[in-house]
Amino acid sequence: MFKRNTVFIVGAGGSKEIGLPTGGELRAKIANALSFSLNGFNRTEIGGALVEIYNQRSDNLDISRYFKAARSISRAMFGALSIDNFLATHQADEDILLMGKLGIASVILEEEGRSEIKINSEGEILFQNTENYWMNTFCKLMSKEVVRGDFETLFHDVSIITFNYDRCIEHFLPHYLKTYFLIDDAQANKLASSLTVIHPYGRVGRYPNRGGTAPTIPFGSSKNPHHLAEAAKQIQTFGERMVEDVAVREMKYLINQAEHIVFLGFSFADMNMELLVPEDVQTNKGIFATTLGMSDQNLHPIRLKMISDFRTLEGRPPDIEMAPLSANDMLNQYWRPIFK
């Protein structure tokens, strides 16, 4: 349990620890996913998802439009900063947006199913494969002072904002709780759902046993055209995300209330930071951030901007700890100041 109100902000580096792609790797995989031959898309589920979408629209499917859009995305990926930036550039092009989202959903769902937290034949996660996953360490530290059955305040002072489309956090958590606390599926799912997890840009389907009204999609369900079509609908881009959105207001509120903010595997993109920073910072912040792979030249302006963004109304700057560590190593090496 946390002694201080804490918000974790997670980027691609967090999911990378269990095999999900980074931004650059995602671009390459999407370029491949949206390629096609004379027989159609190399991933037949993408063609099937297009049929599903057009059946719901009661409209005729002109597949040549989407081949053209897919080719454009595939060719552009190696010249794009990210798939999100490319889709934001072309937000007025409905064909590009649809094919981009189908590409994202196809790749992420497949990578979920190939990750270190995929389900084995017995319906379990092999936890020996997750020793280097930050969520495993997070759960260990959360659980160490909790007596079985005394769960009311387990996630009381902590929340997670993830900029990833995958559902790895939601998937891992109930399996961990079930295994560690020796509780049944229903208890584990109920307890897991009490942890606030926000996806600013959506996700590849609402995870089963989590709240909400959007259709649920099983973890790693990559070959089902219906699931793929539904997953694409739950993805949003930079351009589609509106400031008035309920999720954005909730994020800013959580950040404002937090005493500790922990950035894990996050790249500090300007558009993402704009979604997080409140207009008036009311609580003094302790900030912890992983910076693995970032140069000093890039980190200096990030630190200065962070000091400016999170300065309180009274003029108090945040206390910032940046370290060139992975997400998991950050929790292992800074667990006392973060959790205490």
C-alpha atoms as a PDB file:
ATOM      1  CA  MET A   1       0.000   0.000   0.000  1.00  0.00           C
ATOM      2  CA  PHE A   2       1.084   3.566  -0.645  1.00  0.00           C
ATOM      3  CA  LYS A   3       1.766   6.148   2.033  1.00  0.00           C
ATOM      4  CA  ARG A   4       1.303   8.983  -0.467  1.00  0.00           C
ATOM      5  CA  ASN A   5      -1.188   9.529  -3.278  1.00  0.00           C
ATOM      6  CA  THR A   6       0.666   8.216  -6.344  1.00  0.00           C
ATOM      7  CA  VAL A   7       0.028   8.161 -10.091  1.00  0.00           C
ATOM      8  CA  PHE A   8       2.001   5.919 -12.423  1.00  0.00           C
ATOM      9  CA  ILE A   9       2.293   7.092 -16.040  1.00  0.00           C
ATOM     10  CA  VAL A  10       3.319   4.295 -18.376  1.00  0.00           C
ATOM     11  CA  GLY A  11       4.698   4.367 -21.902  1.00  0.00           C
ATOM     12  CA  ALA A  12       5.853   1.725 -24.367  1.00  0.00           C
ATOM     13  CA  GLY A  13       8.944   0.933 -22.294  1.00  0.00           C
ATOM     14  CA  GLY A  14       6.695  -0.529 -19.606  1.00  0.00           C
ATOM     15  CA  SER A  15       5.121  -3.139 -21.868  1.00  0.00           C
ATOM     16  CA  LYS A  16       8.429  -3.784 -23.652  1.00  0.00           C
ATOM     17  CA  GLU A  17       9.566  -5.672 -20.554  1.00  0.00           C
ATOM     18  CA  ILE A  18       7.213  -8.533 -21.430  1.00  0.00           C
ATOM     19  CA  GLY A  19       7.701  -8.466 -25.194  1.00  0.00           C
ATOM     20  CA  LEU A  20       5.370  -5.779 -26.542  1.00  0.00           C
ATOM     21  CA  PRO A  21       6.874  -3.536 -29.260  1.00  0.00           C
ATOM     22  CA  THR A  22       8.330  -0.084 -28.740  1.00  0.00           C
ATOM     23  CA  GLY A  23       7.147   2.768 -30.967  1.00  0.00           C
ATOM     24  CA  GLY A  24       9.777   2.073 -33.620  1.00  0.00           C
ATOM     25  CA  GLU A  25       9.108  -1.661 -33.587  1.00  0.00           C
ATOM     26  CA  LEU A  26       5.372  -1.013 -33.818  1.00  0.00           C
ATOM     27  CA  ARG A  27       5.878   1.086 -36.970  1.00  0.00           C
ATOM     28  CA  ALA A  28       7.741  -1.774 -38.663  1.00  0.00           C
ATOM     29  CA  LYS A  29       5.161  -4.360 -37.645  1.00  0.00           C
ATOM     30  CA  ILE A  30       2.281  -2.176 -38.882  1.00  0.00           C
ATOM     31  CA  ALA A  31       4.052  -1.665 -42.203  1.00  0.00           C
ATOM     32  CA  ASN A  32       4.171  -5.446 -42.565  1.00  0.00           C
ATOM     33  CA  ALA A  33       0.621  -6.003 -41.310  1.00  0.00           C
ATOM     34  CA  LEU A  34      -0.842  -3.632 -43.915  1.00  0.00           C
ATOM     35  CA  SER A  35       1.038  -5.119 -46.859  1.00  0.00           C
ATOM     36  CA  PHE A  36      -0.866  -7.291 -49.322  1.00  0.00           C
ATOM     37  CA  SER A  37      -0.561  -9.488 -52.403  1.00  0.00           C
ATOM     38  CA  LEU A  38      -2.775 -10.241 -55.384  1.00  0.00           C
ATOM     39  CA  ASN A  39      -4.898 -12.426 -53.095  1.00  0.00           C
ATOM     40  CA  GLY A  40      -5.595  -9.615 -50.619  1.00  0.00           C
ATOM     41  CA  PHE A  41      -4.180  -8.582 -47.280  1.00  0.00           C
ATOM     42  CA  ASN A  42      -1.387 -10.776 -45.950  1.00  0.00           C
ATOM     43  CA  ARG A  43      -3.315 -10.792 -42.679  1.00  0.00           C
ATOM     44  CA  THR A  44      -6.669 -12.141 -43.761  1.00  0.00           C
ATOM     45  CA  GLU A  45      -8.296 -10.950 -40.547  1.00  0.00           C
ATOM     46  CA  ILE A  46      -7.794  -7.340 -41.668  1.00  0.00           C
ATOM     47  CA  GLY A  47      -9.857  -7.959 -44.808  1.00  0.00           C
ATOM     48  CA  GLY A  48     -12.416  -9.807 -42.675  1.00  0.00           C
ATOM     49  CA  ALA A  49     -12.612  -6.877 -40.257  1.00  0.00           C
ATOM     50  CA  LEU A  50     -13.285  -4.481 -43.145  1.00  0.00           C
ATOM     51  CA  VAL A  51     -16.179  -6.681 -44.235  1.00  0.00           C
ATOM     52  CA  GLU A  52     -17.487  -6.683 -40.647  1.00  0.00           C
ATOM     53  CA  ILE A  53     -17.336  -2.894 -40.477  1.00  0.00           C
ATOM     54  CA  TYR A  54     -19.125  -2.419 -43.777  1.00  0.00           C
ATOM     55  CA  ASN A  55     -21.808  -4.956 -42.901  1.00  0.00           C
ATOM     56  CA  GLN A  56     -22.545  -2.835 -39.832  1.00  0.00           C
ATOM     57  CA  ARG A  57     -22.746   0.271 -42.017  1.00  0.00           C
ATOM     58  CA  SER A  58     -25.032  -1.402 -44.579  1.00  0.00           C
ATOM     59  CA  ASP A  59     -22.777   0.017 -47.265  1.00  0.00           C
ATOM     60  CA  ASN A  60     -20.852  -1.419 -50.210  1.00  0.00           C
ATOM     61  CA  LEU A  61     -17.192  -2.115 -49.594  1.00  0.00           C
ATOM     62  CA  ASP A  62     -14.820  -0.622 -52.170  1.00  0.00           C
ATOM     63  CA  ILE A  63     -11.728  -2.614 -51.231  1.00  0.00           C
ATOM     64  CA  SER A  64      -9.488  -0.679 -53.638  1.00  0.00           C
ATOM     65  CA  ARG A  65      -9.839   2.433 -51.423  1.00  0.00           C
ATOM     66  CA  TYR A  66      -8.469   0.545 -48.455  1.00  0.00           C
ATOM     67  CA  PHE A  67      -5.686  -1.150 -50.390  1.00  0.00           C
ATOM     68  CA  LYS A  68      -4.577   2.349 -51.400  1.00  0.00           C
ATOM     69  CA  ALA A  69      -4.744   3.627 -47.810  1.00  0.00           C
ATOM     70  CA  ALA A  70      -2.928   0.555 -46.470  1.00  0.00           C
ATOM     71  CA  ARG A  71      -0.183   0.941 -49.073  1.00  0.00           C
ATOM     72  CA  SER A  72       0.231   4.613 -48.164  1.00  0.00           C
ATOM     73  CA  ILE A  73       0.590   3.820 -44.462  1.00  0.00           C
ATOM     74  CA  SER A  74       2.947   0.913 -45.063  1.00  0.00           C
ATOM     75  CA  ARG A  75       5.243   2.999 -47.280  1.00  0.00           C
ATOM     76  CA  ALA A  76       5.246   5.956 -44.863  1.00  0.00           C
ATOM     77  CA  MET A  77       5.985   4.103 -41.622  1.00  0.00           C
ATOM     78  CA  PHE A  78       9.753   4.216 -41.893  1.00  0.00           C
ATOM     79  CA  GLY A  79       9.619   7.978 -42.373  1.00  0.00           C
ATOM     80  CA  ALA A  80       7.200   8.595 -39.498  1.00  0.00           C
ATOM     81  CA  LEU A  81       8.058   9.466 -35.913  1.00  0.00           C
ATOM     82  CA  SER A  82       5.269   7.105 -34.835  1.00  0.00           C
ATOM     83  CA  ILE A  83       2.041   5.644 -36.159  1.00  0.00           C
ATOM     84  CA  ASP A  84       0.172   8.074 -33.898  1.00  0.00           C
ATOM     85  CA  ASN A  85       1.942  11.082 -35.388  1.00  0.00           C
ATOM     86  CA  PHE A  86       1.227   9.856 -38.917  1.00  0.00           C
ATOM     87  CA  LEU A  87      -2.468   9.356 -38.197  1.00  0.00           C
ATOM     88  CA  ALA A  88      -2.646  12.783 -36.554  1.00  0.00           C
ATOM     89  CA  THR A  89      -1.178  14.295 -39.722  1.00  0.00           C
ATOM     90  CA  HIS A  90      -3.871  12.594 -41.812  1.00  0.00           C
ATOM     91  CA  GLN A  91      -6.758  12.860 -39.350  1.00  0.00           C
ATOM     92  CA  ALA A  92      -9.082  14.216 -42.044  1.00  0.00           C
ATOM     93  CA  ASP A  93      -8.608  11.083 -44.191  1.00  0.00           C
ATOM     94  CA  GLU A  94     -11.137   8.494 -42.991  1.00  0.00           C
ATOM     95  CA  ASP A  95      -9.580   5.678 -45.021  1.00  0.00           C
ATOM     96  CA  ILE A  96      -6.112   6.296 -43.561  1.00  0.00           C
ATOM     97  CA  LEU A  97      -7.531   6.468 -40.035  1.00  0.00           C
ATOM     98  CA  LEU A  98      -9.484   3.233 -40.392  1.00  0.00           C
ATOM     99  CA  MET A  99      -6.611   1.255 -41.898  1.00  0.00           C
ATOM    100  CA  GLY A 100      -4.150   2.692 -39.381  1.00  0.00           C
ATOM    101  CA  LYS A 101      -6.357   1.628 -36.495  1.00  0.00           C
ATOM    102  CA  LEU A 102      -6.853  -1.838 -37.985  1.00  0.00           C
ATOM    103  CA  GLY A 103      -3.082  -2.128 -38.346  1.00  0.00           C
ATOM    104  CA  ILE A 104      -2.518  -1.070 -34.741  1.00  0.00           C
ATOM    105  CA  ALA A 105      -5.204  -3.408 -33.410  1.00  0.00           C
ATOM    106  CA  SER A 106      -3.967  -6.367 -35.449  1.00  0.00           C
ATOM    107  CA  VAL A 107      -0.372  -5.981 -34.266  1.00  0.00           C
ATOM    108  CA  ILE A 108      -1.116  -5.225 -30.603  1.00  0.00           C
ATOM    109  CA  LEU A 109      -3.591  -8.086 -30.225  1.00  0.00           C
ATOM    110  CA  GLU A 110      -1.095 -10.477 -31.788  1.00  0.00           C
ATOM    111  CA  GLU A 111       1.715  -9.203 -29.546  1.00  0.00           C
ATOM    112  CA  GLU A 112      -0.482  -9.600 -26.453  1.00  0.00           C
ATOM    113  CA  GLY A 113      -0.920 -13.254 -27.373  1.00  0.00           C
ATOM    114  CA  ARG A 114       2.841 -13.711 -27.824  1.00  0.00           C
ATOM    115  CA  SER A 115       3.868 -11.846 -24.673  1.00  0.00           C
ATOM    116  CA  GLU A 116       5.395 -13.278 -21.517  1.00  0.00           C
ATOM    117  CA  ILE A 117       2.011 -12.953 -19.788  1.00  0.00           C
ATOM    118  CA  LYS A 118       0.042 -15.014 -22.309  1.00  0.00           C
ATOM    119  CA  ILE A 119      -2.107 -17.767 -20.875  1.00  0.00           C
ATOM    120  CA  ASN A 120      -0.796 -21.339 -20.980  1.00  0.00           C
ATOM    121  CA  SER A 121      -2.844 -24.480 -21.594  1.00  0.00           C
ATOM    122  CA  GLU A 122      -3.945 -24.493 -17.949  1.00  0.00           C
ATOM    123  CA  GLY A 123      -5.256 -20.928 -18.130  1.00  0.00           C
ATOM    124  CA  GLU A 124      -2.410 -19.489 -16.085  1.00  0.00           C
ATOM    125  CA  ILE A 125       0.442 -17.011 -16.489  1.00  0.00           C
ATOM    126  CA  LEU A 126       3.951 -18.390 -16.035  1.00  0.00           C
ATOM    127  CA  PHE A 127       5.107 -15.939 -13.378  1.00  0.00           C
ATOM    128  CA  GLN A 128       8.710 -17.112 -13.630  1.00  0.00           C
ATOM    129  CA  ASN A 129       8.750 -15.275 -16.974  1.00  0.00           C
ATOM    130  CA  THR A 130       7.689 -11.980 -15.401  1.00  0.00           C
ATOM    131  CA  GLU A 131      10.510 -11.323 -12.920  1.00  0.00           C
ATOM    132  CA  ASN A 132      11.644  -8.334 -15.005  1.00  0.00           C
ATOM    133  CA  TYR A 133       8.154  -6.882 -15.515  1.00  0.00           C
ATOM    134  CA  TRP A 134       7.437  -3.705 -13.552  1.00  0.00           C
ATOM    135  CA  MET A 135       3.864  -4.795 -12.762  1.00  0.00           C
ATOM    136  CA  ASN A 136       5.199  -7.881 -11.018  1.00  0.00           C
ATOM    137  CA  THR A 137       7.426  -5.712  -8.825  1.00  0.00           C
ATOM    138  CA  PHE A 138       4.585  -3.210  -8.346  1.00  0.00           C
ATOM    139  CA  CYS A 139       2.313  -6.011  -7.109  1.00  0.00           C
ATOM    140  CA  LYS A 140       4.983  -7.469  -4.821  1.00  0.00           C
ATOM    141  CA  LEU A 141       5.514  -4.107  -3.166  1.00  0.00           C
ATOM    142  CA  MET A 142       1.782  -3.425  -2.946  1.00  0.00           C
ATOM    143  CA  SER A 143       1.117  -6.790  -1.319  1.00  0.00           C
ATOM    144  CA  LYS A 144       3.943  -7.071   1.189  1.00  0.00           C
ATOM    145  CA  GLU A 145       2.058  -5.532   4.142  1.00  0.00           C
ATOM    146  CA  VAL A 146      -1.425  -6.780   3.238  1.00  0.00           C
ATOM    147  CA  VAL A 147      -3.116  -9.561   5.215  1.00  0.00           C
ATOM    148  CA  ARG A 148      -5.310 -11.874   3.136  1.00  0.00           C
ATOM    149  CA  GLY A 149      -8.868 -10.601   3.215  1.00  0.00           C
ATOM    150  CA  ASP A 150      -7.925  -7.060   4.232  1.00  0.00           C
ATOM    151  CA  PHE A 151      -8.207  -5.642   0.711  1.00  0.00           C
ATOM    152  CA  GLU A 152     -10.334  -2.546   1.165  1.00  0.00           C
ATOM    153  CA  THR A 153      -7.510  -0.027   0.893  1.00  0.00           C
ATOM    154  CA  LEU A 154      -5.120  -1.968  -1.360  1.00  0.00           C
ATOM    155  CA  PHE A 155      -5.461   0.422  -4.317  1.00  0.00           C
ATOM    156  CA  HIS A 156      -6.815   3.384  -2.387  1.00  0.00           C
ATOM    157  CA  ASP A 157      -3.990   5.861  -3.066  1.00  0.00           C
ATOM    158  CA  VAL A 158      -2.704   4.722  -6.442  1.00  0.00           C
ATOM    159  CA  SER A 159      -3.818   4.947 -10.067  1.00  0.00           C
ATOM    160  CA  ILE A 160      -2.276   4.214 -13.458  1.00  0.00           C
ATOM    161  CA  ILE A 161      -2.380   6.181 -16.702  1.00  0.00           C
ATOM    162  CA  THR A 162      -1.082   4.121 -19.609  1.00  0.00           C
ATOM    163  CA  PHE A 163      -0.478   5.527 -23.072  1.00  0.00           C
ATOM    164  CA  ASN A 164      -0.287   1.995 -24.457  1.00  0.00           C
ATOM    165  CA  TYR A 165      -3.052   0.348 -26.472  1.00  0.00           C
ATOM    166  CA  ASP A 166      -2.422  -3.075 -24.908  1.00  0.00           C
ATOM    167  CA  ARG A 167      -4.253  -4.421 -21.839  1.00  0.00           C
ATOM    168  CA  CYS A 168      -1.208  -5.973 -20.149  1.00  0.00           C
ATOM    169  CA  ILE A 169      -1.820  -4.195 -16.841  1.00  0.00           C
ATOM    170  CA  GLU A 170      -5.459  -5.267 -16.655  1.00  0.00           C
ATOM    171  CA  HIS A 171      -4.537  -8.811 -17.709  1.00  0.00           C
ATOM    172  CA  PHE A 172      -1.646  -9.348 -15.330  1.00  0.00           C
ATOM    173  CA  LEU A 173      -3.232  -7.925 -12.197  1.00  0.00           C
ATOM    174  CA  PRO A 174      -6.104 -10.389 -11.526  1.00  0.00           C
ATOM    175  CA  HIS A 175      -3.847 -13.371 -12.272  1.00  0.00           C
ATOM    176  CA  TYR A 176      -1.296 -12.069  -9.780  1.00  0.00           C
ATOM    177  CA  LEU A 177      -3.930 -11.396  -7.101  1.00  0.00           C
ATOM    178  CA  LYS A 178      -5.459 -14.846  -7.556  1.00  0.00           C
ATOM    179  CA  THR A 179      -2.080 -16.566  -7.349  1.00  0.00           C
ATOM    180  CA  TYR A 180      -0.590 -14.571  -4.469  1.00  0.00           C
ATOM    181  CA  PHE A 181      -3.614 -14.164  -2.200  1.00  0.00           C
ATOM    182  CA  LEU A 182      -5.079 -17.621  -3.004  1.00  0.00           C
ATOM    183  CA  ILE A 183      -8.470 -16.203  -3.943  1.00  0.00           C
ATOM    184  CA  ASP A 184     -10.877 -17.291  -6.658  1.00  0.00           C
ATOM    185  CA  ASP A 185     -11.362 -15.689 -10.078  1.00  0.00           C
ATOM    186  CA  ALA A 186     -14.397 -13.656  -9.037  1.00  0.00           C
ATOM    187  CA  GLN A 187     -12.614 -12.152  -6.020  1.00  0.00           C
ATOM    188  CA  ALA A 188      -9.464 -11.444  -8.031  1.00  0.00           C
ATOM    189  CA  ASN A 189     -11.383  -9.759 -10.860  1.00  0.00           C
ATOM    190  CA  LYS A 190     -13.389  -7.629  -8.441  1.00  0.00           C
ATOM    191  CA  LEU A 191     -10.278  -6.554  -6.556  1.00  0.00           C
ATOM    192  CA  ALA A 192      -8.347  -5.838  -9.764  1.00  0.00           C
ATOM    193  CA  SER A 193     -11.161  -3.653 -11.079  1.00  0.00           C
ATOM    194  CA  SER A 194     -10.786  -1.371  -8.050  1.00  0.00           C
ATOM    195  CA  LEU A 195      -7.464  -0.107  -9.438  1.00  0.00           C
ATOM    196  CA  THR A 196      -8.053   2.893 -11.711  1.00  0.00           C
ATOM    197  CA  VAL A 197      -6.394   2.321 -15.103  1.00  0.00           C
ATOM    198  CA  ILE A 198      -6.876   5.014 -17.766  1.00  0.00           C
ATOM    199  CA  HIS A 199      -5.971   4.689 -21.461  1.00  0.00           C
ATOM    200  CA  PRO A 200      -5.986   8.242 -22.912  1.00  0.00           C
ATOM    201  CA  TYR A 201      -5.889   6.942 -26.488  1.00  0.00           C
ATOM    202  CA  GLY A 202      -8.093   3.933 -25.951  1.00  0.00           C
ATOM    203  CA  ARG A 203      -7.093   0.292 -26.086  1.00  0.00           C
ATOM    204  CA  VAL A 204      -7.579  -2.747 -28.291  1.00  0.00           C
ATOM    205  CA  GLY A 205     -10.881  -3.620 -26.644  1.00  0.00           C
ATOM    206  CA  ARG A 206     -12.246  -3.400 -23.136  1.00  0.00           C
ATOM    207  CA  TYR A 207     -10.692  -6.122 -21.027  1.00  0.00           C
ATOM    208  CA  PRO A 208     -13.122  -8.773 -19.715  1.00  0.00           C
ATOM    209  CA  ASN A 209     -14.272  -8.205 -16.134  1.00  0.00           C
ATOM    210  CA  ARG A 210     -13.484  -4.472 -16.250  1.00  0.00           C
ATOM    211  CA  GLY A 211     -16.230  -1.860 -16.123  1.00  0.00           C
ATOM    212  CA  GLY A 212     -17.570   0.041 -19.100  1.00  0.00           C
ATOM    213  CA  THR A 213     -19.986  -0.404 -21.953  1.00  0.00           C
ATOM    214  CA  ALA A 214     -17.608  -0.995 -24.883  1.00  0.00           C
ATOM    215  CA  PRO A 215     -17.407  -4.566 -26.226  1.00  0.00           C
ATOM    216  CA  THR A 216     -14.913  -6.816 -24.441  1.00  0.00           C
ATOM    217  CA  ILE A 217     -12.173  -8.560 -26.411  1.00  0.00           C
ATOM    218  CA  PRO A 218     -10.116 -11.476 -25.063  1.00  0.00           C
ATOM    219  CA  PHE A 219      -6.448 -10.842 -24.420  1.00  0.00           C
ATOM    220  CA  GLY A 220      -4.406 -11.692 -27.516  1.00  0.00           C
ATOM    221  CA  SER A 221      -7.382 -12.341 -29.797  1.00  0.00           C
ATOM    222  CA  SER A 222      -5.625 -11.419 -33.068  1.00  0.00           C
ATOM    223  CA  LYS A 223      -7.163 -13.707 -35.681  1.00  0.00           C
ATOM    224  CA  ASN A 224     -10.838 -12.965 -35.098  1.00  0.00           C
ATOM    225  CA  PRO A 225     -12.125 -10.396 -37.664  1.00  0.00           C
ATOM    226  CA  HIS A 226     -15.053  -9.395 -35.442  1.00  0.00           C
ATOM    227  CA  HIS A 227     -12.755  -8.726 -32.483  1.00  0.00           C
ATOM    228  CA  LEU A 228     -10.364  -6.803 -34.714  1.00  0.00           C
ATOM    229  CA  ALA A 229     -13.160  -4.584 -36.049  1.00  0.00           C
ATOM    230  CA  GLU A 230     -14.345  -3.827 -32.515  1.00  0.00           C
ATOM    231  CA  ALA A 231     -10.792  -3.194 -31.282  1.00  0.00           C
ATOM    232  CA  ALA A 232     -10.175  -0.622 -34.015  1.00  0.00           C
ATOM    233  CA  LYS A 233     -13.240   1.320 -32.844  1.00  0.00           C
ATOM    234  CA  GLN A 234     -11.784   1.666 -29.353  1.00  0.00           C
ATOM    235  CA  ILE A 235      -8.548   3.286 -30.544  1.00  0.00           C
ATOM    236  CA  GLN A 236      -8.199   7.063 -30.756  1.00  0.00           C
ATOM    237  CA  THR A 237      -5.476   9.301 -32.163  1.00  0.00           C
ATOM    238  CA  PHE A 238      -3.854  12.588 -31.134  1.00  0.00           C
ATOM    239  CA  GLY A 239      -6.231  14.518 -33.363  1.00  0.00           C
ATOM    240  CA  GLU A 240      -9.360  12.783 -32.125  1.00  0.00           C
ATOM    241  CA  ARG A 241      -8.593  13.264 -28.454  1.00  0.00           C
ATOM    242  CA  MET A 242     -10.524  16.306 -27.259  1.00  0.00           C
ATOM    243  CA  VAL A 243      -9.551  18.416 -24.247  1.00  0.00           C
ATOM    244  CA  GLU A 244     -13.118  18.237 -22.940  1.00  0.00           C
ATOM    245  CA  ASP A 245     -12.989  14.461 -22.780  1.00  0.00           C
ATOM    246  CA  VAL A 246     -14.003  12.902 -19.457  1.00  0.00           C
ATOM    247  CA  ALA A 247     -10.824  10.796 -19.340  1.00  0.00           C
ATOM    248  CA  VAL A 248      -8.632  13.871 -19.791  1.00  0.00           C
ATOM    249  CA  ARG A 249     -10.407  15.690 -16.971  1.00  0.00           C
ATOM    250  CA  GLU A 250     -10.017  12.639 -14.741  1.00  0.00           C
ATOM    251  CA  MET A 251      -6.295  12.404 -15.542  1.00  0.00           C
ATOM    252  CA  LYS A 252      -5.673  16.041 -14.743  1.00  0.00           C
ATOM    253  CA  TYR A 253      -7.586  15.647 -11.478  1.00  0.00           C
ATOM    254  CA  LEU A 254      -5.545  12.577 -10.483  1.00  0.00           C
ATOM    255  CA  ILE A 255      -2.289  14.349 -11.338  1.00  0.00           C
ATOM    256  CA  ASN A 256      -3.329  17.409  -9.363  1.00  0.00           C
ATOM    257  CA  GLN A 257      -4.135  15.353  -6.270  1.00  0.00           C
ATOM    258  CA  ALA A 258      -0.983  13.237  -6.483  1.00  0.00           C
ATOM    259  CA  GLU A 259       2.016  13.771  -4.237  1.00  0.00           C
ATOM    260  CA  HIS A 260       4.132  11.343  -6.264  1.00  0.00           C
ATOM    261  CA  ILE A 261       4.170  10.944 -10.059  1.00  0.00           C
ATOM    262  CA  VAL A 262       6.122   8.001 -11.492  1.00  0.00           C
ATOM    263  CA  PHE A 263       6.929   7.983 -15.226  1.00  0.00           C
ATOM    264  CA  LEU A 264       7.843   4.491 -16.473  1.00  0.00           C
ATOM    265  CA  GLY A 265       9.070   3.860 -20.016  1.00  0.00           C
ATOM    266  CA  PHE A 266       7.569   7.180 -21.086  1.00  0.00           C
ATOM    267  CA  SER A 267       8.981   9.412 -23.862  1.00  0.00           C
ATOM    268  CA  PHE A 268       7.535  12.766 -22.656  1.00  0.00           C
ATOM    269  CA  ALA A 269       5.999  13.640 -26.033  1.00  0.00           C
ATOM    270  CA  ASP A 270       4.628  17.182 -25.919  1.00  0.00           C
ATOM    271  CA  MET A 271       1.092  16.202 -26.942  1.00  0.00           C
ATOM    272  CA  ASN A 272       0.949  13.558 -24.217  1.00  0.00           C
ATOM    273  CA  MET A 273       2.265  15.893 -21.552  1.00  0.00           C
ATOM    274  CA  GLU A 274      -0.379  18.466 -22.478  1.00  0.00           C
ATOM    275  CA  LEU A 275      -3.056  15.910 -21.603  1.00  0.00           C
ATOM    276  CA  LEU A 276      -1.557  15.340 -18.161  1.00  0.00           C
ATOM    277  CA  VAL A 277      -0.563  18.721 -16.769  1.00  0.00           C
ATOM    278  CA  PRO A 278      -3.284  20.558 -14.769  1.00  0.00           C
ATOM    279  CA  GLU A 279      -3.797  24.275 -15.324  1.00  0.00           C
ATOM    280  CA  ASP A 280      -3.204  25.040 -11.653  1.00  0.00           C
ATOM    281  CA  VAL A 281      -0.965  22.651  -9.725  1.00  0.00           C
ATOM    282  CA  GLN A 282      -2.123  22.609  -6.130  1.00  0.00           C
ATOM    283  CA  THR A 283       0.010  19.889  -4.506  1.00  0.00           C
ATOM    284  CA  ASN A 284       3.796  19.785  -4.326  1.00  0.00           C
ATOM    285  CA  LYS A 285       5.049  16.887  -6.449  1.00  0.00           C
ATOM    286  CA  GLY A 286       7.762  14.313  -6.070  1.00  0.00           C
ATOM    287  CA  ILE A 287       8.490  13.066  -9.603  1.00  0.00           C
ATOM    288  CA  PHE A 288      10.364   9.875 -10.504  1.00  0.00           C
ATOM    289  CA  ALA A 289      11.136   9.132 -14.150  1.00  0.00           C
ATOM    290  CA  THR A 290      12.944   6.491 -16.176  1.00  0.00           C
ATOM    291  CA  THR A 291      15.141   7.929 -18.927  1.00  0.00           C
ATOM    292  CA  LEU A 292      16.737   4.811 -20.392  1.00  0.00           C
ATOM    293  CA  GLY A 293      18.195   5.546 -23.828  1.00  0.00           C
ATOM    294  CA  MET A 294      17.643   9.318 -23.658  1.00  0.00           C
ATOM    295  CA  SER A 295      20.512  11.739 -24.228  1.00  0.00           C
ATOM    296  CA  ASP A 296      21.447  14.501 -21.794  1.00  0.00           C
ATOM    297  CA  GLN A 297      20.742  17.009 -24.560  1.00  0.00           C
ATOM    298  CA  ASN A 298      17.123  15.836 -24.775  1.00  0.00           C
ATOM    299  CA  LEU A 299      16.660  15.398 -21.046  1.00  0.00           C
ATOM    300  CA  HIS A 300      17.698  18.937 -20.123  1.00  0.00           C
ATOM    301  CA  PRO A 301      14.708  20.667 -21.813  1.00  0.00           C
ATOM    302  CA  ILE A 302      12.379  17.918 -20.552  1.00  0.00           C
ATOM    303  CA  ARG A 303      13.475  18.594 -16.969  1.00  0.00           C
ATOM    304  CA  LEU A 304      13.095  22.352 -17.373  1.00  0.00           C
ATOM    305  CA  LYS A 305       9.614  21.941 -18.864  1.00  0.00           C
ATOM    306  CA  MET A 306       8.635  19.579 -16.060  1.00  0.00           C
ATOM    307  CA  ILE A 307       9.780  22.089 -13.438  1.00  0.00           C
ATOM    308  CA  SER A 308       7.658  24.745 -15.115  1.00  0.00           C
ATOM    309  CA  ASP A 309       4.612  22.530 -15.669  1.00  0.00           C
ATOM    310  CA  PHE A 310       4.446  21.121 -12.142  1.00  0.00           C
ATOM    311  CA  ARG A 311       5.339  24.251 -10.158  1.00  0.00           C
ATOM    312  CA  THR A 312       2.618  24.887  -7.580  1.00  0.00           C
ATOM    313  CA  LEU A 313       0.510  28.046  -7.326  1.00  0.00           C
ATOM    314  CA  GLU A 314       2.749  29.037  -4.403  1.00  0.00           C
ATOM    315  CA  GLY A 315       5.809  28.708  -6.637  1.00  0.00           C
ATOM    316  CA  ARG A 316       7.205  25.447  -5.253  1.00  0.00           C
ATOM    317  CA  PRO A 317       8.997  23.411  -7.951  1.00  0.00           C
ATOM    318  CA  PRO A 318       8.660  19.620  -8.048  1.00  0.00           C
ATOM    319  CA  ASP A 319      11.366  17.356  -6.629  1.00  0.00           C
ATOM    320  CA  ILE A 320      12.581  15.409  -9.666  1.00  0.00           C
ATOM    321  CA  GLU A 321      14.512  12.139  -9.745  1.00  0.00           C
ATOM    322  CA  MET A 322      15.476  10.971 -13.241  1.00  0.00           C
ATOM    323  CA  ALA A 323      17.450   7.769 -13.791  1.00  0.00           C
ATOM    324  CA  PRO A 324      18.587   5.830 -16.897  1.00  0.00           C
ATOM    325  CA  LEU A 325      16.778   2.701 -15.760  1.00  0.00           C
ATOM    326  CA  SER A 326      14.118   0.354 -17.045  1.00  0.00           C
ATOM    327  CA  ALA A 327      10.651   0.563 -15.510  1.00  0.00           C
ATOM    328  CA  ASN A 328      11.265  -2.497 -13.379  1.00  0.00           C
ATOM    329  CA  ASP A 329      14.715  -1.344 -12.244  1.00  0.00           C
ATOM    330  CA  MET A 330      13.250   2.025 -11.249  1.00  0.00           C
ATOM    331  CA  LEU A 331      10.793   0.328  -8.891  1.00  0.00           C
ATOM    332  CA  ASN A 332      13.462  -1.974  -7.494  1.00  0.00           C
ATOM    333  CA  GLN A 333      15.999   0.792  -6.880  1.00  0.00           C
ATOM    334  CA  TYR A 334      13.592   3.568  -5.790  1.00  0.00           C
ATOM    335  CA  TRP A 335      10.900   1.577  -4.039  1.00  0.00           C
ATOM    336  CA  ARG A 336      11.418   3.163  -0.629  1.00  0.00           C
ATOM    337  CA  PRO A 337      11.001   6.816  -1.717  1.00  0.00           C
ATOM    338  CA  ILE A 338       8.190   5.881  -4.125  1.00  0.00           C
ATOM    339  CA  PHE A 339       6.170   3.635  -1.843  1.00  0.00           C
ATOM    340  CA  LYS A 340       6.946   5.247   1.524  1.00  0.00           C
END
